[in-house]
Amino acid sequence: ENIATVDENGVITGVAEGETTITATVGELSAS
């Protein structure tokens, strides 16, 4: 979250220069 944040609606915000991963999870299913 020092690089990017994501809220409960899936809105991603850039915070600082760098690279990270956002993961979406439904039950046992997920994607990044």
PDB file of all heavy atoms in Angstrom:
ATOM      1  N   GLU A   1       0.815  -1.219   0.000  1.00  0.00           N
ATOM      2  CA  GLU A   1       0.000   0.000   0.000  1.00  0.00           C
ATOM      3  C   GLU A   1       0.848   1.268   0.000  1.00  0.00           C
ATOM      4  O   GLU A   1       0.313   2.366  -0.159  1.00  0.00           O
ATOM      5  CB  GLU A   1      -0.947  -0.019   1.200  1.00  0.00           C
ATOM      6  CG  GLU A   1      -2.018  -1.101   1.079  1.00  0.00           C
ATOM      7  CD  GLU A   1      -3.121  -0.931   2.105  1.00  0.00           C
ATOM      8  OE1 GLU A   1      -2.872  -0.218   3.118  1.00  0.00           O
ATOM      9  OE2 GLU A   1      -4.205  -1.494   1.898  1.00  0.00           O
ATOM     10  N   ASN A   2       2.165   1.145   0.170  1.00  0.00           N
ATOM     11  CA  ASN A   2       3.035   2.311   0.023  1.00  0.00           C
ATOM     12  C   ASN A   2       3.213   2.693  -1.446  1.00  0.00           C
ATOM     13  O   ASN A   2       3.664   3.795  -1.759  1.00  0.00           O
ATOM     14  CB  ASN A   2       4.403   2.035   0.644  1.00  0.00           C
ATOM     15  CG  ASN A   2       4.342   1.912   2.149  1.00  0.00           C
ATOM     16  OD1 ASN A   2       3.641   2.686   2.797  1.00  0.00           O
ATOM     17  ND2 ASN A   2       5.049   0.930   2.693  1.00  0.00           N
ATOM     18  N   ILE A   3       2.912   1.753  -2.322  1.00  0.00           N
ATOM     19  CA  ILE A   3       3.025   2.003  -3.766  1.00  0.00           C
ATOM     20  C   ILE A   3       1.654   2.238  -4.385  1.00  0.00           C
ATOM     21  O   ILE A   3       1.445   3.186  -5.148  1.00  0.00           O
ATOM     22  CB  ILE A   3       3.743   0.824  -4.454  1.00  0.00           C
ATOM     23  CG1 ILE A   3       5.194   0.749  -3.945  1.00  0.00           C
ATOM     24  CG2 ILE A   3       3.716   0.992  -5.972  1.00  0.00           C
ATOM     25  CD1 ILE A   3       5.957  -0.442  -4.463  1.00  0.00           C
ATOM     26  N   ALA A   4       0.674   1.383  -4.065  1.00  0.00           N
ATOM     27  CA  ALA A   4      -0.677   1.541  -4.601  1.00  0.00           C
ATOM     28  C   ALA A   4      -1.672   0.979  -3.606  1.00  0.00           C
ATOM     29  O   ALA A   4      -1.422  -0.052  -2.974  1.00  0.00           O
ATOM     30  CB  ALA A   4      -0.811   0.851  -5.949  1.00  0.00           C
ATOM     31  N   THR A   5      -2.833   1.633  -3.482  1.00  0.00           N
ATOM     32  CA  THR A   5      -3.912   1.137  -2.630  1.00  0.00           C
ATOM     33  C   THR A   5      -5.084   0.720  -3.496  1.00  0.00           C
ATOM     34  O   THR A   5      -5.192   1.141  -4.663  1.00  0.00           O
ATOM     35  CB  THR A   5      -4.366   2.219  -1.638  1.00  0.00           C
ATOM     36  OG1 THR A   5      -4.873   3.346  -2.378  1.00  0.00           O
ATOM     37  CG2 THR A   5      -3.216   2.666  -0.744  1.00  0.00           C
ATOM     38  N   VAL A   6      -5.985  -0.113  -2.933  1.00  0.00           N
ATOM     39  CA  VAL A   6      -7.193  -0.512  -3.628  1.00  0.00           C
ATOM     40  C   VAL A   6      -8.324  -0.579  -2.594  1.00  0.00           C
ATOM     41  O   VAL A   6      -8.136  -1.089  -1.484  1.00  0.00           O
ATOM     42  CB  VAL A   6      -7.010  -1.873  -4.345  1.00  0.00           C
ATOM     43  CG1 VAL A   6      -6.655  -2.979  -3.379  1.00  0.00           C
ATOM     44  CG2 VAL A   6      -8.250  -2.226  -5.149  1.00  0.00           C
ATOM     45  N   ASP A   7      -9.499  -0.018  -2.924  1.00  0.00           N
ATOM     46  CA  ASP A   7     -10.606  -0.028  -1.972  1.00  0.00           C
ATOM     47  C   ASP A   7     -11.535  -1.201  -2.252  1.00  0.00           C
ATOM     48  O   ASP A   7     -11.289  -2.026  -3.143  1.00  0.00           O
ATOM     49  CB  ASP A   7     -11.341   1.313  -1.978  1.00  0.00           C
ATOM     50  CG  ASP A   7     -12.054   1.603  -3.291  1.00  0.00           C
ATOM     51  OD1 ASP A   7     -12.197   0.681  -4.127  1.00  0.00           O
ATOM     52  OD2 ASP A   7     -12.462   2.771  -3.502  1.00  0.00           O
ATOM     53  N   GLU A   8     -12.653  -1.292  -1.475  1.00  0.00           N
ATOM     54  CA  GLU A   8     -13.569  -2.418  -1.577  1.00  0.00           C
ATOM     55  C   GLU A   8     -14.288  -2.482  -2.913  1.00  0.00           C
ATOM     56  O   GLU A   8     -14.847  -3.515  -3.283  1.00  0.00           O
ATOM     57  CB  GLU A   8     -14.594  -2.359  -0.428  1.00  0.00           C
ATOM     58  CG  GLU A   8     -15.543  -1.178  -0.483  1.00  0.00           C
ATOM     59  CD  GLU A   8     -14.975   0.071   0.175  1.00  0.00           C
ATOM     60  OE1 GLU A   8     -13.748   0.096   0.486  1.00  0.00           O
ATOM     61  OE2 GLU A   8     -15.733   1.030   0.374  1.00  0.00           O
ATOM     62  N   ASN A   9     -14.271  -1.365  -3.661  1.00  0.00           N
ATOM     63  CA  ASN A   9     -14.909  -1.332  -4.973  1.00  0.00           C
ATOM     64  C   ASN A   9     -13.910  -1.595  -6.110  1.00  0.00           C
ATOM     65  O   ASN A   9     -14.278  -1.495  -7.279  1.00  0.00           O
ATOM     66  CB  ASN A   9     -15.599   0.012  -5.193  1.00  0.00           C
ATOM     67  CG  ASN A   9     -16.699   0.254  -4.184  1.00  0.00           C
ATOM     68  OD1 ASN A   9     -17.532  -0.636  -3.932  1.00  0.00           O
ATOM     69  ND2 ASN A   9     -16.710   1.454  -3.592  1.00  0.00           N
ATOM     70  N   GLY A  10     -12.681  -1.889  -5.769  1.00  0.00           N
ATOM     71  CA  GLY A  10     -11.683  -2.184  -6.790  1.00  0.00           C
ATOM     72  C   GLY A  10     -11.068  -0.957  -7.426  1.00  0.00           C
ATOM     73  O   GLY A  10     -10.488  -1.041  -8.516  1.00  0.00           O
ATOM     74  N   VAL A  11     -11.157   0.201  -6.756  1.00  0.00           N
ATOM     75  CA  VAL A  11     -10.539   1.429  -7.284  1.00  0.00           C
ATOM     76  C   VAL A  11      -9.098   1.484  -6.788  1.00  0.00           C
ATOM     77  O   VAL A  11      -8.845   1.512  -5.575  1.00  0.00           O
ATOM     78  CB  VAL A  11     -11.311   2.682  -6.841  1.00  0.00           C
ATOM     79  CG1 VAL A  11     -10.604   3.936  -7.343  1.00  0.00           C
ATOM     80  CG2 VAL A  11     -12.739   2.629  -7.366  1.00  0.00           C
ATOM     81  N   ILE A  12      -8.164   1.498  -7.743  1.00  0.00           N
ATOM     82  CA  ILE A  12      -6.727   1.475  -7.444  1.00  0.00           C
ATOM     83  C   ILE A  12      -6.175   2.891  -7.538  1.00  0.00           C
ATOM     84  O   ILE A  12      -6.468   3.623  -8.491  1.00  0.00           O
ATOM     85  CB  ILE A  12      -5.990   0.547  -8.421  1.00  0.00           C
ATOM     86  CG1 ILE A  12      -6.622  -0.850  -8.420  1.00  0.00           C
ATOM     87  CG2 ILE A  12      -4.508   0.474  -8.085  1.00  0.00           C
ATOM     88  CD1 ILE A  12      -6.161  -1.726  -9.555  1.00  0.00           C
ATOM     89  N   THR A  13      -5.333   3.285  -6.561  1.00  0.00           N
ATOM     90  CA  THR A  13      -4.741   4.623  -6.539  1.00  0.00           C
ATOM     91  C   THR A  13      -3.222   4.505  -6.447  1.00  0.00           C
ATOM     92  O   THR A  13      -2.698   3.823  -5.564  1.00  0.00           O
ATOM     93  CB  THR A  13      -5.261   5.444  -5.345  1.00  0.00           C
ATOM     94  OG1 THR A  13      -6.683   5.525  -5.407  1.00  0.00           O
ATOM     95  CG2 THR A  13      -4.668   6.854  -5.352  1.00  0.00           C
ATOM     96  N   GLY A  14      -2.518   5.200  -7.385  1.00  0.00           N
ATOM     97  CA  GLY A  14      -1.063   5.234  -7.328  1.00  0.00           C
ATOM     98  C   GLY A  14      -0.589   6.126  -6.193  1.00  0.00           C
ATOM     99  O   GLY A  14      -1.076   7.253  -6.038  1.00  0.00           O
ATOM    100  N   VAL A  15       0.328   5.617  -5.384  1.00  0.00           N
ATOM    101  CA  VAL A  15       0.813   6.360  -4.221  1.00  0.00           C
ATOM    102  C   VAL A  15       2.239   6.848  -4.419  1.00  0.00           C
ATOM    103  O   VAL A  15       2.552   8.023  -4.241  1.00  0.00           O
ATOM    104  CB  VAL A  15       0.727   5.487  -2.950  1.00  0.00           C
ATOM    105  CG1 VAL A  15       1.315   6.235  -1.746  1.00  0.00           C
ATOM    106  CG2 VAL A  15      -0.722   5.090  -2.674  1.00  0.00           C
ATOM    107  N   ALA A  16       3.143   5.962  -4.787  1.00  0.00           N
ATOM    108  CA  ALA A  16       4.552   6.313  -4.960  1.00  0.00           C
ATOM    109  C   ALA A  16       5.159   5.454  -6.057  1.00  0.00           C
ATOM    110  O   ALA A  16       4.635   4.382  -6.394  1.00  0.00           O
ATOM    111  CB  ALA A  16       5.313   6.137  -3.652  1.00  0.00           C
ATOM    112  N   GLU A  17       6.271   5.922  -6.606  1.00  0.00           N
ATOM    113  CA  GLU A  17       6.907   5.209  -7.707  1.00  0.00           C
ATOM    114  C   GLU A  17       7.300   3.795  -7.268  1.00  0.00           C
ATOM    115  O   GLU A  17       7.845   3.589  -6.194  1.00  0.00           O
ATOM    116  CB  GLU A  17       8.144   5.969  -8.170  1.00  0.00           C
ATOM    117  CG  GLU A  17       8.835   5.359  -9.371  1.00  0.00           C
ATOM    118  CD  GLU A  17      10.066   6.142  -9.797  1.00  0.00           C
ATOM    119  OE1 GLU A  17      10.618   6.879  -8.940  1.00  0.00           O
ATOM    120  OE2 GLU A  17      10.465   6.004 -10.968  1.00  0.00           O
ATOM    121  N   GLY A  18       6.993   2.830  -8.091  1.00  0.00           N
ATOM    122  CA  GLY A  18       7.347   1.460  -7.789  1.00  0.00           C
ATOM    123  C   GLY A  18       6.390   0.478  -8.450  1.00  0.00           C
ATOM    124  O   GLY A  18       5.564   0.855  -9.288  1.00  0.00           O
ATOM    125  N   GLU A  19       6.471  -0.805  -8.059  1.00  0.00           N
ATOM    126  CA  GLU A  19       5.635  -1.849  -8.656  1.00  0.00           C
ATOM    127  C   GLU A  19       5.093  -2.759  -7.548  1.00  0.00           C
ATOM    128  O   GLU A  19       5.815  -3.126  -6.620  1.00  0.00           O
ATOM    129  CB  GLU A  19       6.456  -2.669  -9.656  1.00  0.00           C
ATOM    130  CG  GLU A  19       5.665  -3.677 -10.456  1.00  0.00           C
ATOM    131  CD  GLU A  19       6.509  -4.326 -11.544  1.00  0.00           C
ATOM    132  OE1 GLU A  19       6.719  -3.687 -12.579  1.00  0.00           O
ATOM    133  OE2 GLU A  19       6.978  -5.460 -11.319  1.00  0.00           O
ATOM    134  N   THR A  20       3.824  -3.116  -7.634  1.00  0.00           N
ATOM    135  CA  THR A  20       3.199  -4.014  -6.677  1.00  0.00           C
ATOM    136  C   THR A  20       2.136  -4.837  -7.384  1.00  0.00           C
ATOM    137  O   THR A  20       1.971  -4.734  -8.609  1.00  0.00           O
ATOM    138  CB  THR A  20       2.599  -3.235  -5.490  1.00  0.00           C
ATOM    139  OG1 THR A  20       2.178  -4.167  -4.488  1.00  0.00           O
ATOM    140  CG2 THR A  20       1.421  -2.376  -5.926  1.00  0.00           C
ATOM    141  N   THR A  21       1.393  -5.649  -6.604  1.00  0.00           N
ATOM    142  CA  THR A  21       0.360  -6.523  -7.159  1.00  0.00           C
ATOM    143  C   THR A  21      -0.962  -6.270  -6.454  1.00  0.00           C
ATOM    144  O   THR A  21      -1.002  -6.139  -5.218  1.00  0.00           O
ATOM    145  CB  THR A  21       0.753  -7.992  -6.986  1.00  0.00           C
ATOM    146  OG1 THR A  21       1.991  -8.224  -7.666  1.00  0.00           O
ATOM    147  CG2 THR A  21      -0.314  -8.919  -7.570  1.00  0.00           C
ATOM    148  N   ILE A  22      -2.034  -6.191  -7.232  1.00  0.00           N
ATOM    149  CA  ILE A  22      -3.392  -6.104  -6.700  1.00  0.00           C
ATOM    150  C   ILE A  22      -4.047  -7.475  -6.895  1.00  0.00           C
ATOM    151  O   ILE A  22      -4.027  -8.033  -8.001  1.00  0.00           O
ATOM    152  CB  ILE A  22      -4.200  -5.016  -7.403  1.00  0.00           C
ATOM    153  CG1 ILE A  22      -3.569  -3.646  -7.157  1.00  0.00           C
ATOM    154  CG2 ILE A  22      -5.654  -5.039  -6.941  1.00  0.00           C
ATOM    155  CD1 ILE A  22      -3.539  -3.227  -5.709  1.00  0.00           C
ATOM    156  N   THR A  23      -4.663  -8.037  -5.830  1.00  0.00           N
ATOM    157  CA  THR A  23      -5.302  -9.359  -5.886  1.00  0.00           C
ATOM    158  C   THR A  23      -6.795  -9.226  -5.603  1.00  0.00           C
ATOM    159  O   THR A  23      -7.197  -8.533  -4.652  1.00  0.00           O
ATOM    160  CB  THR A  23      -4.674 -10.316  -4.865  1.00  0.00           C
ATOM    161  OG1 THR A  23      -3.268 -10.414  -5.128  1.00  0.00           O
ATOM    162  CG2 THR A  23      -5.308 -11.698  -4.956  1.00  0.00           C
ATOM    163  N   ALA A  24      -7.599  -9.869  -6.461  1.00  0.00           N
ATOM    164  CA  ALA A  24      -9.058  -9.936  -6.267  1.00  0.00           C
ATOM    165  C   ALA A  24      -9.414 -11.370  -5.876  1.00  0.00           C
ATOM    166  O   ALA A  24      -9.046 -12.318  -6.582  1.00  0.00           O
ATOM    167  CB  ALA A  24      -9.777  -9.532  -7.536  1.00  0.00           C
ATOM    168  N   THR A  25     -10.173 -11.551  -4.773  1.00  0.00           N
ATOM    169  CA  THR A  25     -10.498 -12.885  -4.260  1.00  0.00           C
ATOM    170  C   THR A  25     -12.000 -13.027  -4.051  1.00  0.00           C
ATOM    171  O   THR A  25     -12.636 -12.127  -3.470  1.00  0.00           O
ATOM    172  CB  THR A  25      -9.784 -13.151  -2.925  1.00  0.00           C
ATOM    173  OG1 THR A  25      -8.371 -12.998  -3.115  1.00  0.00           O
ATOM    174  CG2 THR A  25     -10.079 -14.564  -2.414  1.00  0.00           C
ATOM    175  N   VAL A  26     -12.581 -14.148  -4.567  1.00  0.00           N
ATOM    176  CA  VAL A  26     -13.976 -14.526  -4.314  1.00  0.00           C
ATOM    177  C   VAL A  26     -13.933 -15.955  -3.782  1.00  0.00           C
ATOM    178  O   VAL A  26     -13.651 -16.900  -4.541  1.00  0.00           O
ATOM    179  CB  VAL A  26     -14.834 -14.429  -5.583  1.00  0.00           C
ATOM    180  CG1 VAL A  26     -16.277 -14.839  -5.260  1.00  0.00           C
ATOM    181  CG2 VAL A  26     -14.790 -13.020  -6.156  1.00  0.00           C
ATOM    182  N   GLY A  27     -14.187 -16.096  -2.506  1.00  0.00           N
ATOM    183  CA  GLY A  27     -14.112 -17.422  -1.922  1.00  0.00           C
ATOM    184  C   GLY A  27     -12.720 -17.992  -2.054  1.00  0.00           C
ATOM    185  O   GLY A  27     -11.737 -17.392  -1.586  1.00  0.00           O
ATOM    186  N   GLU A  28     -12.644 -19.133  -2.732  1.00  0.00           N
ATOM    187  CA  GLU A  28     -11.338 -19.763  -2.940  1.00  0.00           C
ATOM    188  C   GLU A  28     -10.723 -19.376  -4.280  1.00  0.00           C
ATOM    189  O   GLU A  28      -9.632 -19.832  -4.612  1.00  0.00           O
ATOM    190  CB  GLU A  28     -11.495 -21.289  -2.857  1.00  0.00           C
ATOM    191  CG  GLU A  28     -11.919 -21.784  -1.495  1.00  0.00           C
ATOM    192  CD  GLU A  28     -12.024 -23.300  -1.441  1.00  0.00           C
ATOM    193  OE1 GLU A  28     -11.831 -23.927  -2.510  1.00  0.00           O
ATOM    194  OE2 GLU A  28     -12.276 -23.839  -0.366  1.00  0.00           O
ATOM    195  N   LEU A  29     -11.445 -18.555  -5.027  1.00  0.00           N
ATOM    196  CA  LEU A  29     -10.945 -18.124  -6.342  1.00  0.00           C
ATOM    197  C   LEU A  29     -10.258 -16.769  -6.221  1.00  0.00           C
ATOM    198  O   LEU A  29     -10.715 -15.886  -5.486  1.00  0.00           O
ATOM    199  CB  LEU A  29     -12.102 -18.026  -7.339  1.00  0.00           C
ATOM    200  CG  LEU A  29     -12.916 -19.299  -7.558  1.00  0.00           C
ATOM    201  CD1 LEU A  29     -14.107 -19.003  -8.463  1.00  0.00           C
ATOM    202  CD2 LEU A  29     -12.042 -20.401  -8.155  1.00  0.00           C
ATOM    203  N   SER A  30      -9.179 -16.553  -6.977  1.00  0.00           N
ATOM    204  CA  SER A  30      -8.466 -15.265  -6.935  1.00  0.00           C
ATOM    205  C   SER A  30      -7.729 -15.009  -8.246  1.00  0.00           C
ATOM    206  O   SER A  30      -7.484 -15.935  -9.027  1.00  0.00           O
ATOM    207  CB  SER A  30      -7.474 -15.225  -5.766  1.00  0.00           C
ATOM    208  OG  SER A  30      -6.438 -16.168  -5.969  1.00  0.00           O
ATOM    209  N   ALA A  31      -7.385 -13.737  -8.457  1.00  0.00           N
ATOM    210  CA  ALA A  31      -6.594 -13.317  -9.622  1.00  0.00           C
ATOM    211  C   ALA A  31      -5.758 -12.112  -9.220  1.00  0.00           C
ATOM    212  O   ALA A  31      -6.135 -11.349  -8.320  1.00  0.00           O
ATOM    213  CB  ALA A  31      -7.491 -12.969 -10.795  1.00  0.00           C
ATOM    214  N   SER A  32      -4.630 -11.905  -9.888  1.00  0.00           N
ATOM    215  CA  SER A  32      -3.719 -10.801  -9.556  1.00  0.00           C
ATOM    216  C   SER A  32      -3.343 -10.015 -10.808  1.00  0.00           C
ATOM    217  O   SER A  32      -3.368 -10.542 -11.928  1.00  0.00           O
ATOM    218  CB  SER A  32      -2.454 -11.342  -8.881  1.00  0.00           C
ATOM    219  OG  SER A  32      -2.760 -11.971  -7.665  1.00  0.00           O
TER     220      SER A  32
END
